Amino acid sequence: ATASTPLNAEEQALQARLPEKVESDTTHAWVMDAILGKPKVPIRSIGILVYDGVNDLDMMGPRYVLGQAGAQVRLIGVKPGPIKTVTGVQVVPDTNIDEVSQLDILIIPGGFTGTIEAAYDTRVLDWIRAIDKGTVYTGAVCTGVWILGATGLLEGRRASTNWYREEEFLKKYKAIPANERYTRDGKYWTSAGVTAGMDMSLAILNENWGERYTQGVMLDMEYDPAPPITGGTPERTGRLVLWMMKAMYDAGINPLIERLEQERVPR
């Protein structure tokens, strides 16, 4: 339903009960409950895993969207102290994995080399497995799906990830490539690259909090993307640009994976 859609009988009855103005916290809370309703499952704690080299928007897109769900949302570092994002922005996480033992929602953002290193870090993977036992939803964005995949939790499940060698990496973790903007399989949510993490987070809101709540967040964000040119997926990108991007990714990723694979082999 949109502003141009006529109200149904239930909505008309609700509109008749609404005050002309919202002038107090009590009225504000009543209006929100009346219009938005209650979530399917109460969510109290949301955690977003962060590390050196995390992608800024992978992290902050879901942080902004899910930060409006009325729950505690924390950035959780893989180690104590500040981190630097892939663009060099210094961020001070709220806490670190040694201090967190339970979450209702866990989101794992992607990045570049730091993501691959995290996917080979047994301490990080063990923590994700332990947290996942108590989550309502576990999600990952972009190459963060590689970290989630490395835990084994996506085995046999449909999943999406960054366009770069998508099927290769998903099959590596025995997941089923969905080739979608975002995918849900049970309590697991995964998305394509970077901006798709916002769509996935909005879909989580829609699933648990409902359409009106999600529309409210989207309006707050004025989320109505209208890019100036065609692009954003391999199919919509020119051949030369696509070749260049893949070649650049290969140059940075292949040597790192080869080194980490060699270090993992028992000597």
C-alpha atoms as a PDB file:
ATOM      1  CA  ALA A   1       0.000   0.000   0.000  1.00  0.00           C
ATOM      2  CA  THR A   2       1.147   3.549  -0.786  1.00  0.00           C
ATOM      3  CA  ALA A   3      -0.092   7.068  -0.026  1.00  0.00           C
ATOM      4  CA  SER A   4      -2.221   6.922  -3.192  1.00  0.00           C
ATOM      5  CA  THR A   5      -3.863   3.607  -2.223  1.00  0.00           C
ATOM      6  CA  PRO A   6      -7.339   3.982  -0.634  1.00  0.00           C
ATOM      7  CA  LEU A   7      -7.538   2.901   3.004  1.00  0.00           C
ATOM      8  CA  ASN A   8      -9.390  -0.329   3.679  1.00  0.00           C
ATOM      9  CA  ALA A   9     -12.033  -0.572   6.401  1.00  0.00           C
ATOM     10  CA  GLU A  10      -9.530  -1.625   9.092  1.00  0.00           C
ATOM     11  CA  GLU A  11      -7.178   1.228   8.205  1.00  0.00           C
ATOM     12  CA  GLN A  12     -10.043   3.735   8.194  1.00  0.00           C
ATOM     13  CA  ALA A  13     -11.049   2.617  11.688  1.00  0.00           C
ATOM     14  CA  LEU A  14      -7.463   2.981  12.873  1.00  0.00           C
ATOM     15  CA  GLN A  15      -7.126   6.417  11.286  1.00  0.00           C
ATOM     16  CA  ALA A  16     -10.241   7.565  13.145  1.00  0.00           C
ATOM     17  CA  ARG A  17      -8.582   6.675  16.462  1.00  0.00           C
ATOM     18  CA  LEU A  18      -5.341   8.529  15.781  1.00  0.00           C
ATOM     19  CA  PRO A  19      -4.670  11.871  17.514  1.00  0.00           C
ATOM     20  CA  GLU A  20      -4.258  15.022  15.455  1.00  0.00           C
ATOM     21  CA  LYS A  21      -0.732  15.529  16.844  1.00  0.00           C
ATOM     22  CA  VAL A  22       1.902  13.435  18.600  1.00  0.00           C
ATOM     23  CA  GLU A  23       2.808  15.580  21.599  1.00  0.00           C
ATOM     24  CA  SER A  24       4.211  13.160  24.193  1.00  0.00           C
ATOM     25  CA  ASP A  25       6.318  10.014  24.475  1.00  0.00           C
ATOM     26  CA  THR A  26       3.250   8.096  25.621  1.00  0.00           C
ATOM     27  CA  THR A  27       1.263   9.144  22.559  1.00  0.00           C
ATOM     28  CA  HIS A  28       4.257   8.453  20.319  1.00  0.00           C
ATOM     29  CA  ALA A  29       4.564   4.901  21.661  1.00  0.00           C
ATOM     30  CA  TRP A  30       0.818   4.287  21.303  1.00  0.00           C
ATOM     31  CA  VAL A  31       0.758   5.536  17.699  1.00  0.00           C
ATOM     32  CA  MET A  32       3.727   3.374  16.738  1.00  0.00           C
ATOM     33  CA  ASP A  33       2.175   0.272  18.308  1.00  0.00           C
ATOM     34  CA  ALA A  34      -1.200   0.987  16.710  1.00  0.00           C
ATOM     35  CA  ILE A  35       0.178   1.510  13.200  1.00  0.00           C
ATOM     36  CA  LEU A  36       3.207  -0.765  13.175  1.00  0.00           C
ATOM     37  CA  GLY A  37       2.155  -3.594  15.472  1.00  0.00           C
ATOM     38  CA  LYS A  38       4.537  -5.928  17.253  1.00  0.00           C
ATOM     39  CA  PRO A  39       7.403  -7.996  15.782  1.00  0.00           C
ATOM     40  CA  LYS A  40       6.911 -11.719  15.243  1.00  0.00           C
ATOM     41  CA  VAL A  41       9.870 -12.455  17.515  1.00  0.00           C
ATOM     42  CA  PRO A  42      11.191  -9.995  20.126  1.00  0.00           C
ATOM     43  CA  ILE A  43      14.703  -8.914  19.138  1.00  0.00           C
ATOM     44  CA  ARG A  44      16.861  -7.400  21.878  1.00  0.00           C
ATOM     45  CA  SER A  45      20.437  -7.708  20.646  1.00  0.00           C
ATOM     46  CA  ILE A  46      21.963  -7.279  17.191  1.00  0.00           C
ATOM     47  CA  GLY A  47      25.670  -7.641  16.499  1.00  0.00           C
ATOM     48  CA  ILE A  48      27.692  -6.726  13.420  1.00  0.00           C
ATOM     49  CA  LEU A  49      31.110  -8.343  13.207  1.00  0.00           C
ATOM     50  CA  VAL A  50      33.889  -5.924  12.200  1.00  0.00           C
ATOM     51  CA  TYR A  51      37.585  -6.282  11.500  1.00  0.00           C
ATOM     52  CA  ASP A  52      40.473  -4.513   9.786  1.00  0.00           C
ATOM     53  CA  GLY A  53      39.598  -4.166   6.114  1.00  0.00           C
ATOM     54  CA  VAL A  54      35.817  -4.469   6.505  1.00  0.00           C
ATOM     55  CA  ASN A  55      33.829  -2.674   3.804  1.00  0.00           C
ATOM     56  CA  ASP A  56      32.373   0.564   5.159  1.00  0.00           C
ATOM     57  CA  LEU A  57      28.918   0.204   3.596  1.00  0.00           C
ATOM     58  CA  ASP A  58      28.717  -3.561   4.220  1.00  0.00           C
ATOM     59  CA  MET A  59      28.928  -2.631   7.883  1.00  0.00           C
ATOM     60  CA  MET A  60      27.057   0.664   8.098  1.00  0.00           C
ATOM     61  CA  GLY A  61      24.196  -0.121   5.700  1.00  0.00           C
ATOM     62  CA  PRO A  62      22.845  -2.913   7.923  1.00  0.00           C
ATOM     63  CA  ARG A  63      23.853  -0.912  11.004  1.00  0.00           C
ATOM     64  CA  TYR A  64      21.641   1.971   9.918  1.00  0.00           C
ATOM     65  CA  VAL A  65      18.674  -0.169   8.845  1.00  0.00           C
ATOM     66  CA  LEU A  66      18.671  -2.578  11.777  1.00  0.00           C
ATOM     67  CA  GLY A  67      19.535   0.254  14.152  1.00  0.00           C
ATOM     68  CA  GLN A  68      15.914   1.361  13.790  1.00  0.00           C
ATOM     69  CA  ALA A  69      14.507  -1.935  15.032  1.00  0.00           C
ATOM     70  CA  GLY A  70      14.391  -0.861  18.672  1.00  0.00           C
ATOM     71  CA  ALA A  71      17.115  -3.296  19.750  1.00  0.00           C
ATOM     72  CA  GLN A  72      20.646  -2.837  21.039  1.00  0.00           C
ATOM     73  CA  VAL A  73      22.955  -2.814  18.007  1.00  0.00           C
ATOM     74  CA  ARG A  74      26.693  -3.216  18.508  1.00  0.00           C
ATOM     75  CA  LEU A  75      29.741  -3.330  16.283  1.00  0.00           C
ATOM     76  CA  ILE A  76      31.737  -6.316  17.516  1.00  0.00           C
ATOM     77  CA  GLY A  77      35.461  -6.379  16.773  1.00  0.00           C
ATOM     78  CA  VAL A  78      37.429  -9.565  16.241  1.00  0.00           C
ATOM     79  CA  LYS A  79      39.952  -8.070  18.684  1.00  0.00           C
ATOM     80  CA  PRO A  80      39.959  -5.209  21.221  1.00  0.00           C
ATOM     81  CA  GLY A  81      40.632  -1.695  19.991  1.00  0.00           C
ATOM     82  CA  PRO A  82      39.945   0.348  16.862  1.00  0.00           C
ATOM     83  CA  ILE A  83      39.771  -1.077  13.352  1.00  0.00           C
ATOM     84  CA  LYS A  84      40.334   0.481   9.942  1.00  0.00           C
ATOM     85  CA  THR A  85      37.836  -0.086   7.164  1.00  0.00           C
ATOM     86  CA  VAL A  86      38.825  -0.935   3.596  1.00  0.00           C
ATOM     87  CA  THR A  87      38.827   2.793   2.795  1.00  0.00           C
ATOM     88  CA  GLY A  88      40.972   3.661   5.814  1.00  0.00           C
ATOM     89  CA  VAL A  89      38.273   5.020   8.127  1.00  0.00           C
ATOM     90  CA  GLN A  90      39.076   4.332  11.778  1.00  0.00           C
ATOM     91  CA  VAL A  91      36.162   2.854  13.731  1.00  0.00           C
ATOM     92  CA  VAL A  92      35.987   2.055  17.437  1.00  0.00           C
ATOM     93  CA  PRO A  93      33.799  -1.064  17.902  1.00  0.00           C
ATOM     94  CA  ASP A  94      31.411  -1.194  20.845  1.00  0.00           C
ATOM     95  CA  THR A  95      32.912  -4.452  22.069  1.00  0.00           C
ATOM     96  CA  ASN A  96      34.782  -7.535  20.823  1.00  0.00           C
ATOM     97  CA  ILE A  97      34.058 -11.214  20.339  1.00  0.00           C
ATOM     98  CA  ASP A  98      35.622 -12.168  23.682  1.00  0.00           C
ATOM     99  CA  GLU A  99      32.904 -10.140  25.426  1.00  0.00           C
ATOM    100  CA  VAL A 100      29.841 -11.388  23.514  1.00  0.00           C
ATOM    101  CA  SER A 101      28.267 -14.802  24.005  1.00  0.00           C
ATOM    102  CA  GLN A 102      24.682 -14.289  22.770  1.00  0.00           C
ATOM    103  CA  LEU A 103      22.907 -12.351  20.014  1.00  0.00           C
ATOM    104  CA  ASP A 104      19.428 -12.411  18.506  1.00  0.00           C
ATOM    105  CA  ILE A 105      20.761 -11.285  15.116  1.00  0.00           C
ATOM    106  CA  LEU A 106      24.321 -11.614  13.823  1.00  0.00           C
ATOM    107  CA  ILE A 107      25.439  -9.857  10.634  1.00  0.00           C
ATOM    108  CA  ILE A 108      28.809 -10.564   9.011  1.00  0.00           C
ATOM    109  CA  PRO A 109      29.906  -7.871   6.536  1.00  0.00           C
ATOM    110  CA  GLY A 110      32.502  -8.389   3.825  1.00  0.00           C
ATOM    111  CA  GLY A 111      35.563  -6.547   2.641  1.00  0.00           C
ATOM    112  CA  PHE A 112      38.716  -7.595   0.821  1.00  0.00           C
ATOM    113  CA  THR A 113      41.886  -9.131   2.251  1.00  0.00           C
ATOM    114  CA  GLY A 114      40.688  -8.821   5.866  1.00  0.00           C
ATOM    115  CA  THR A 115      37.625 -10.869   4.963  1.00  0.00           C
ATOM    116  CA  ILE A 116      39.676 -13.709   3.541  1.00  0.00           C
ATOM    117  CA  GLU A 117      41.930 -13.708   6.593  1.00  0.00           C
ATOM    118  CA  ALA A 118      38.869 -13.897   8.851  1.00  0.00           C
ATOM    119  CA  ALA A 119      37.568 -16.861   6.821  1.00  0.00           C
ATOM    120  CA  TYR A 120      40.745 -18.738   7.802  1.00  0.00           C
ATOM    121  CA  ASP A 121      40.730 -17.617  11.456  1.00  0.00           C
ATOM    122  CA  THR A 122      39.542 -20.556  13.575  1.00  0.00           C
ATOM    123  CA  ARG A 123      38.920 -18.274  16.568  1.00  0.00           C
ATOM    124  CA  VAL A 124      36.494 -16.148  14.560  1.00  0.00           C
ATOM    125  CA  LEU A 125      34.796 -19.155  12.985  1.00  0.00           C
ATOM    126  CA  ASP A 126      34.354 -20.882  16.350  1.00  0.00           C
ATOM    127  CA  TRP A 127      32.786 -17.714  17.780  1.00  0.00           C
ATOM    128  CA  ILE A 128      30.328 -17.444  14.885  1.00  0.00           C
ATOM    129  CA  ARG A 129      29.282 -21.088  15.325  1.00  0.00           C
ATOM    130  CA  ALA A 130      28.743 -20.548  19.046  1.00  0.00           C
ATOM    131  CA  ILE A 131      26.708 -17.348  18.551  1.00  0.00           C
ATOM    132  CA  ASP A 132      24.679 -18.939  15.765  1.00  0.00           C
ATOM    133  CA  LYS A 133      23.306 -21.537  18.169  1.00  0.00           C
ATOM    134  CA  GLY A 134      21.202 -18.826  19.831  1.00  0.00           C
ATOM    135  CA  THR A 135      20.345 -16.461  16.975  1.00  0.00           C
ATOM    136  CA  VAL A 136      16.929 -15.818  15.502  1.00  0.00           C
ATOM    137  CA  TYR A 137      18.644 -14.732  12.261  1.00  0.00           C
ATOM    138  CA  THR A 138      22.233 -15.068  11.064  1.00  0.00           C
ATOM    139  CA  GLY A 139      23.189 -13.006   8.026  1.00  0.00           C
ATOM    140  CA  ALA A 140      26.156 -12.077   5.873  1.00  0.00           C
ATOM    141  CA  VAL A 141      26.788  -9.397   3.262  1.00  0.00           C
ATOM    142  CA  CYS A 142      28.922  -9.594   0.123  1.00  0.00           C
ATOM    143  CA  THR A 143      32.208 -11.458   0.736  1.00  0.00           C
ATOM    144  CA  GLY A 144      31.190 -11.753   4.384  1.00  0.00           C
ATOM    145  CA  VAL A 145      29.292 -14.779   3.071  1.00  0.00           C
ATOM    146  CA  TRP A 146      32.707 -16.404   2.597  1.00  0.00           C
ATOM    147  CA  ILE A 147      33.319 -16.083   6.344  1.00  0.00           C
ATOM    148  CA  LEU A 148      29.906 -17.530   7.157  1.00  0.00           C
ATOM    149  CA  GLY A 149      30.475 -20.263   4.571  1.00  0.00           C
ATOM    150  CA  ALA A 150      33.798 -21.190   6.134  1.00  0.00           C
ATOM    151  CA  THR A 151      31.970 -22.096   9.366  1.00  0.00           C
ATOM    152  CA  GLY A 152      30.073 -24.843   7.523  1.00  0.00           C
ATOM    153  CA  LEU A 153      26.724 -23.289   8.445  1.00  0.00           C
ATOM    154  CA  LEU A 154      25.723 -22.730   4.808  1.00  0.00           C
ATOM    155  CA  GLU A 155      26.339 -26.303   3.710  1.00  0.00           C
ATOM    156  CA  GLY A 156      23.378 -27.487   1.639  1.00  0.00           C
ATOM    157  CA  ARG A 157      21.676 -24.087   1.860  1.00  0.00           C
ATOM    158  CA  ARG A 158      20.809 -21.609  -0.882  1.00  0.00           C
ATOM    159  CA  ALA A 159      22.947 -18.506  -0.636  1.00  0.00           C
ATOM    160  CA  SER A 160      24.019 -15.358  -2.450  1.00  0.00           C
ATOM    161  CA  THR A 161      27.307 -13.469  -2.326  1.00  0.00           C
ATOM    162  CA  ASN A 162      29.415 -10.925  -4.185  1.00  0.00           C
ATOM    163  CA  TRP A 163      29.404 -11.321  -7.994  1.00  0.00           C
ATOM    164  CA  TYR A 164      33.143 -12.074  -8.076  1.00  0.00           C
ATOM    165  CA  ARG A 165      33.558 -15.843  -8.632  1.00  0.00           C
ATOM    166  CA  GLU A 166      30.215 -16.251  -6.903  1.00  0.00           C
ATOM    167  CA  GLU A 167      29.460 -19.859  -7.809  1.00  0.00           C
ATOM    168  CA  GLU A 168      33.056 -20.955  -7.198  1.00  0.00           C
ATOM    169  CA  PHE A 169      33.154 -19.639  -3.638  1.00  0.00           C
ATOM    170  CA  LEU A 170      29.656 -20.813  -2.717  1.00  0.00           C
ATOM    171  CA  LYS A 171      30.384 -24.315  -4.005  1.00  0.00           C
ATOM    172  CA  LYS A 172      33.655 -24.273  -2.073  1.00  0.00           C
ATOM    173  CA  TYR A 173      31.550 -23.983   1.084  1.00  0.00           C
ATOM    174  CA  LYS A 174      28.997 -26.533  -0.219  1.00  0.00           C
ATOM    175  CA  ALA A 175      26.286 -23.896  -0.488  1.00  0.00           C
ATOM    176  CA  ILE A 176      23.802 -23.736  -3.362  1.00  0.00           C
ATOM    177  CA  PRO A 177      24.263 -20.607  -5.535  1.00  0.00           C
ATOM    178  CA  ALA A 178      20.995 -18.670  -5.633  1.00  0.00           C
ATOM    179  CA  ASN A 179      22.163 -15.829  -7.900  1.00  0.00           C
ATOM    180  CA  GLU A 180      19.833 -13.380  -6.139  1.00  0.00           C
ATOM    181  CA  ARG A 181      20.121  -9.889  -4.705  1.00  0.00           C
ATOM    182  CA  TYR A 182      19.561 -11.470  -1.300  1.00  0.00           C
ATOM    183  CA  THR A 183      18.505 -14.942  -0.203  1.00  0.00           C
ATOM    184  CA  ARG A 184      16.819 -16.453   2.801  1.00  0.00           C
ATOM    185  CA  ASP A 185      17.170 -20.114   3.699  1.00  0.00           C
ATOM    186  CA  GLY A 186      15.667 -20.831   7.098  1.00  0.00           C
ATOM    187  CA  LYS A 187      17.154 -18.371   9.570  1.00  0.00           C
ATOM    188  CA  TYR A 188      20.122 -17.656   7.294  1.00  0.00           C
ATOM    189  CA  TRP A 189      20.200 -14.508   5.189  1.00  0.00           C
ATOM    190  CA  THR A 190      22.892 -13.774   2.609  1.00  0.00           C
ATOM    191  CA  SER A 191      23.279 -10.992   0.074  1.00  0.00           C
ATOM    192  CA  ALA A 192      25.162  -9.938  -3.015  1.00  0.00           C
ATOM    193  CA  GLY A 193      27.703  -7.139  -2.799  1.00  0.00           C
ATOM    194  CA  VAL A 194      27.761  -4.058  -0.577  1.00  0.00           C
ATOM    195  CA  THR A 195      24.483  -2.170  -1.293  1.00  0.00           C
ATOM    196  CA  ALA A 196      22.579  -5.477  -1.358  1.00  0.00           C
ATOM    197  CA  GLY A 197      23.237  -5.649   2.381  1.00  0.00           C
ATOM    198  CA  MET A 198      20.741  -2.820   2.863  1.00  0.00           C
ATOM    199  CA  ASP A 199      18.120  -4.690   0.835  1.00  0.00           C
ATOM    200  CA  MET A 200      18.769  -7.816   2.886  1.00  0.00           C
ATOM    201  CA  SER A 201      18.472  -5.855   6.133  1.00  0.00           C
ATOM    202  CA  LEU A 202      15.206  -4.314   4.973  1.00  0.00           C
ATOM    203  CA  ALA A 203      13.973  -7.812   4.115  1.00  0.00           C
ATOM    204  CA  ILE A 204      14.815  -8.942   7.649  1.00  0.00           C
ATOM    205  CA  LEU A 205      12.837  -5.984   8.990  1.00  0.00           C
ATOM    206  CA  ASN A 206       9.928  -6.852   6.715  1.00  0.00           C
ATOM    207  CA  GLU A 207       9.979 -10.487   7.793  1.00  0.00           C
ATOM    208  CA  ASN A 208       9.979  -9.817  11.519  1.00  0.00           C
ATOM    209  CA  TRP A 209       8.546  -6.303  11.956  1.00  0.00           C
ATOM    210  CA  GLY A 210       6.208  -6.119   8.960  1.00  0.00           C
ATOM    211  CA  GLU A 211       5.608  -4.000   5.889  1.00  0.00           C
ATOM    212  CA  ARG A 212       4.541  -0.784   7.633  1.00  0.00           C
ATOM    213  CA  TYR A 213       7.604  -0.772   9.870  1.00  0.00           C
ATOM    214  CA  THR A 214       9.828  -1.388   6.861  1.00  0.00           C
ATOM    215  CA  GLN A 215       8.176   1.382   4.864  1.00  0.00           C
ATOM    216  CA  GLY A 216       8.760   3.738   7.778  1.00  0.00           C
ATOM    217  CA  VAL A 217      12.475   2.938   7.796  1.00  0.00           C
ATOM    218  CA  MET A 218      12.677   3.235   4.014  1.00  0.00           C
ATOM    219  CA  LEU A 219      11.011   6.649   4.154  1.00  0.00           C
ATOM    220  CA  ASP A 220      13.384   7.744   6.911  1.00  0.00           C
ATOM    221  CA  MET A 221      16.244   6.752   4.596  1.00  0.00           C
ATOM    222  CA  GLU A 222      14.390   8.069   1.521  1.00  0.00           C
ATOM    223  CA  TYR A 223      15.470   4.744   0.078  1.00  0.00           C
ATOM    224  CA  ASP A 224      14.432   4.792  -3.576  1.00  0.00           C
ATOM    225  CA  PRO A 225      17.614   4.123  -5.606  1.00  0.00           C
ATOM    226  CA  ALA A 226      17.873   5.729  -9.046  1.00  0.00           C
ATOM    227  CA  PRO A 227      21.442   5.324 -10.383  1.00  0.00           C
ATOM    228  CA  PRO A 228      22.486   7.666 -13.208  1.00  0.00           C
ATOM    229  CA  ILE A 229      23.604   4.911 -15.569  1.00  0.00           C
ATOM    230  CA  THR A 230      23.094   1.183 -16.146  1.00  0.00           C
ATOM    231  CA  GLY A 231      25.529  -0.964 -14.186  1.00  0.00           C
ATOM    232  CA  GLY A 232      26.069  -2.629 -10.831  1.00  0.00           C
ATOM    233  CA  THR A 233      25.950  -6.285 -11.912  1.00  0.00           C
ATOM    234  CA  PRO A 234      28.178  -8.271 -14.292  1.00  0.00           C
ATOM    235  CA  GLU A 235      25.310  -8.515 -16.787  1.00  0.00           C
ATOM    236  CA  ARG A 236      24.845  -4.732 -16.833  1.00  0.00           C
ATOM    237  CA  THR A 237      28.538  -3.809 -16.960  1.00  0.00           C
ATOM    238  CA  GLY A 238      30.643  -3.302 -20.078  1.00  0.00           C
ATOM    239  CA  ARG A 239      32.998  -6.138 -21.012  1.00  0.00           C
ATOM    240  CA  LEU A 240      36.214  -4.147 -20.567  1.00  0.00           C
ATOM    241  CA  VAL A 241      35.218  -2.808 -17.156  1.00  0.00           C
ATOM    242  CA  LEU A 242      34.097  -6.264 -16.034  1.00  0.00           C
ATOM    243  CA  TRP A 243      37.395  -7.809 -17.182  1.00  0.00           C
ATOM    244  CA  MET A 244      39.401  -5.086 -15.426  1.00  0.00           C
ATOM    245  CA  MET A 245      37.542  -5.463 -12.125  1.00  0.00           C
ATOM    246  CA  LYS A 246      37.881  -9.244 -12.074  1.00  0.00           C
ATOM    247  CA  ALA A 247      41.591  -9.038 -12.976  1.00  0.00           C
ATOM    248  CA  MET A 248      42.206  -6.550 -10.156  1.00  0.00           C
ATOM    249  CA  TYR A 249      40.380  -8.743  -7.652  1.00  0.00           C
ATOM    250  CA  ASP A 250      42.291 -11.813  -8.822  1.00  0.00           C
ATOM    251  CA  ALA A 251      45.604 -10.031  -8.356  1.00  0.00           C
ATOM    252  CA  GLY A 252      44.859  -9.246  -4.734  1.00  0.00           C
ATOM    253  CA  ILE A 253      42.954 -12.352  -3.707  1.00  0.00           C
ATOM    254  CA  ASN A 254      44.687 -15.295  -5.376  1.00  0.00           C
ATOM    255  CA  PRO A 255      48.132 -14.870  -3.713  1.00  0.00           C
ATOM    256  CA  LEU A 256      46.521 -14.381  -0.303  1.00  0.00           C
ATOM    257  CA  ILE A 257      44.361 -17.507  -0.587  1.00  0.00           C
ATOM    258  CA  GLU A 258      47.349 -19.545  -1.794  1.00  0.00           C
ATOM    259  CA  ARG A 259      49.404 -18.387   1.209  1.00  0.00           C
ATOM    260  CA  LEU A 260      46.638 -19.074   3.717  1.00  0.00           C
ATOM    261  CA  GLU A 261      45.962 -22.513   2.221  1.00  0.00           C
ATOM    262  CA  GLN A 262      49.665 -23.385   2.523  1.00  0.00           C
ATOM    263  CA  GLU A 263      49.766 -22.195   6.141  1.00  0.00           C
ATOM    264  CA  ARG A 264      46.774 -24.389   6.947  1.00  0.00           C
ATOM    265  CA  VAL A 265      48.407 -27.572   5.633  1.00  0.00           C
ATOM    266  CA  PRO A 266      49.981 -29.537   8.538  1.00  0.00           C
ATOM    267  CA  ARG A 267      53.757 -29.810   8.288  1.00  0.00           C
END
